[in-house]
Each structure stands twice: as C-alpha cells, then as structure tokens.
Protein backbone atom coordinates (compact mmCIF):
# COMPACT_ATOMS: atom_id res chain seq x y z
CA UNK A 1 -40.89 6.79 -4.07
CA UNK A 2 -43.30 4.04 -3.62
CA UNK A 3 -45.29 4.89 -7.05
CA UNK A 4 -41.59 4.41 -8.54
CA UNK A 5 -41.25 1.12 -6.85
CA UNK A 6 -44.58 0.02 -7.97
CA UNK A 7 -43.99 0.64 -11.71
CA UNK A 8 -40.65 -0.55 -11.49
CA UNK A 9 -38.49 2.10 -12.59
CA UNK A 10 -34.65 0.78 -11.72
CA UNK A 11 -33.63 4.53 -10.42
CA UNK A 12 -34.97 7.62 -9.06
CA UNK A 13 -32.78 10.61 -7.62
CA UNK A 14 -34.68 13.06 -5.74
CA UNK A 15 -33.56 16.34 -5.63
CA UNK A 16 -34.37 17.58 -1.58
CA UNK A 17 -36.44 20.79 -1.01
CA UNK A 18 -35.74 20.55 2.52
CA UNK A 19 -32.89 18.84 3.93
CA UNK A 20 -34.91 17.43 6.98
CA UNK A 21 -36.50 15.19 4.41
CA UNK A 22 -33.17 13.30 3.65
CA UNK A 23 -33.74 10.49 6.28
CA UNK A 24 -37.20 10.00 4.93
CA UNK A 25 -35.60 8.82 1.32
CA UNK A 26 -32.74 6.65 2.59
CA UNK A 27 -35.39 4.85 4.77
CA UNK A 28 -36.85 4.16 1.69
CA UNK A 29 -34.14 2.91 0.05
CA UNK A 30 -32.81 5.66 -1.95
CA UNK A 31 -29.67 5.21 -2.63
CA UNK A 32 -29.22 8.53 -4.21
CA UNK A 33 -30.31 12.13 -3.30
CA UNK A 34 -28.73 15.53 -4.91
CA UNK A 35 -29.13 17.85 -1.80
CA UNK A 36 -28.37 21.12 -2.99
CA UNK A 37 -28.19 22.76 0.78
CA UNK A 38 -24.83 20.12 1.01
CA UNK A 39 -23.50 21.82 -2.44
CA UNK A 40 -24.06 25.06 -1.33
CA UNK A 41 -21.29 25.59 1.03
CA UNK A 42 -18.86 23.80 -1.35
CA UNK A 43 -19.69 26.39 -4.09
CA UNK A 44 -19.26 29.13 -2.08
CA UNK A 45 -15.88 28.39 -1.11
CA UNK A 46 -15.21 27.62 -4.72
CA UNK A 47 -16.50 31.03 -5.81
CA UNK A 48 -14.49 32.96 -3.08
CA UNK A 49 -11.46 30.77 -4.01
CA UNK A 50 -10.52 28.62 -0.24
CA UNK A 51 -7.15 27.58 -0.37
CA UNK A 52 -8.91 23.94 0.39
CA UNK A 53 -12.38 22.38 0.29
CA UNK A 54 -12.87 19.17 1.32
CA UNK A 55 -15.77 18.42 -1.55
CA UNK A 56 -17.24 15.14 -0.42
CA UNK A 57 -16.22 12.21 2.34
CA UNK A 58 -16.73 8.98 1.58
CA UNK A 59 -16.74 7.54 4.81
CA UNK A 60 -17.68 3.22 4.16
CA UNK A 61 -14.43 3.75 1.61
CA UNK A 62 -12.14 5.61 3.85
CA UNK A 63 -11.83 8.23 1.11
CA UNK A 64 -12.03 12.29 0.53
CA UNK A 65 -12.00 14.37 -2.39
CA UNK A 66 -10.75 18.02 -2.26
CA UNK A 67 -10.20 21.41 -3.45
CA UNK A 68 -7.19 22.79 -3.32
CA UNK A 69 -5.68 25.89 -4.39
CA UNK A 70 -1.84 25.55 -5.67
CA UNK A 71 -1.13 28.74 -4.12
CA UNK A 72 2.66 28.47 -3.63
CA UNK A 73 6.15 26.89 -5.59
CA UNK A 74 6.63 25.10 -1.99
CA UNK A 75 2.85 23.97 -1.82
CA UNK A 76 3.59 22.33 -5.94
CA UNK A 77 6.74 20.46 -5.23
CA UNK A 78 5.28 18.67 -1.78
CA UNK A 79 2.06 18.05 -4.03
CA UNK A 80 4.13 16.92 -7.06
CA UNK A 81 5.92 14.49 -4.71
CA UNK A 82 2.99 13.07 -2.67
CA UNK A 83 1.05 12.35 -6.25
CA UNK A 84 4.07 10.45 -8.00
CA UNK A 85 4.76 8.67 -4.61
CA UNK A 86 1.49 7.68 -3.91
CA UNK A 87 -0.68 4.64 -5.92
CA UNK A 88 -3.92 5.80 -4.24
CA UNK A 89 -4.58 8.94 -5.08
CA UNK A 90 -5.68 10.75 -8.29
CA UNK A 91 -6.32 14.26 -9.47
CA UNK A 92 -6.76 17.19 -11.87
CA UNK A 93 -5.44 20.18 -12.00
CA UNK A 94 -7.35 23.19 -13.32
CA UNK A 95 -5.60 26.78 -14.56
CA UNK A 96 -6.27 29.45 -14.00
CA UNK A 97 -7.46 29.96 -17.53
CA UNK A 98 -9.49 26.63 -16.82
CA UNK A 99 -7.67 24.25 -18.98
CA UNK A 100 -7.20 20.80 -17.31
CA UNK A 101 -4.56 18.18 -16.57
CA UNK A 102 -3.97 14.94 -15.37
CA UNK A 103 -0.62 15.51 -15.40
CA UNK A 104 1.23 17.16 -11.98
CA UNK A 105 4.03 18.58 -13.75
CA UNK A 106 1.76 20.60 -15.93
CA UNK A 107 0.17 21.70 -13.05
CA UNK A 108 1.08 25.29 -12.16
CA UNK A 109 0.44 28.27 -9.77
CA UNK A 110 -2.73 29.75 -8.94
CA UNK A 111 -4.73 26.67 -10.56
CA UNK A 112 -6.74 24.06 -8.12
CA UNK A 113 -6.05 20.68 -7.70
CA UNK A 114 -9.05 18.34 -7.48
CA UNK A 115 -7.50 15.38 -5.72
CA UNK A 116 -9.36 12.15 -4.58
CA UNK A 117 -7.68 9.44 -2.27
CA UNK A 118 -7.56 7.64 1.14
CA UNK A 119 -8.45 9.72 4.01
CA UNK A 120 -4.80 9.76 5.37
CA UNK A 121 -3.10 10.89 2.20
CA UNK A 122 -6.10 13.44 1.37
CA UNK A 123 -5.71 14.51 5.01
CA UNK A 124 -1.84 14.86 5.07
CA UNK A 125 -1.88 17.28 1.72
CA UNK A 126 -4.74 19.22 3.20
CA UNK A 127 -2.07 19.89 6.30
CA UNK A 128 0.81 20.65 4.05
CA UNK A 129 -1.67 23.07 1.60
CA UNK A 130 -3.12 24.83 5.17
CA UNK A 131 0.40 26.02 6.61
C-alpha cells in the first residue's frame, strides 16, 4: 500500500489471503478490499439453493441486498406488490434457465430475485419469504 501511495497509484484493491488482515488495509486507507472468505458463505448459499440470503449490508447507507428464491405463487404475488408499491426497491430476476429481467411481472416460480433497497423493506420481504 505504501509503495502504491508513493507512486501516486489512484486505486489499489487488495485481495485478502488472511481475513485478519482486513483491519490493516482499512487503517492504511484502502477503500475497496476483496475478501474471498466473506464471499464463500454467500456462494455456497447460492449453490445450495437457499431460500433467502443477505448478500450485502451497507450499514452507513441503511441498505441491504438479498437473494431470494421464488418458491411459491403466494410469495411471488406479495413480492410483486411490494416492488410495485415501493420506490426504494430495485430488483433483477433470474429464471431457472438463467434468463434475466428487471420486470417483476416477468419473474416466475423457481427463479431468484436479487433485490436491493432500504434495510426495513428488504427485511420485510425476507420475513415474507421465510414463512
């Protein structure tokens, strides 16, 4: 990091090989850090097809990003209602075959919704999904 600063490199993105080193890089002023140890549980959750998974928490901004399996018609109807009535939710839907859309009307059973929005709204949707 010090050498990058000395050579006026505008952006450095370290890849952590030891999760305990994260604090060291943060104290040196690093803005972005790739931590594979944080990604592994998320990837496993997706591979194992978990019903709901929080992918990212942005505490300062009060935002959450979640991946939710669209497992039944009742949940899909509630999800459509929440997304169409809310201005602070954005979503991408991925079908079983891998096709992507940003239209909640085109989302179907068995696919996944990747939703980002306010912590309160996402937590409400997660609660509905986990019932």
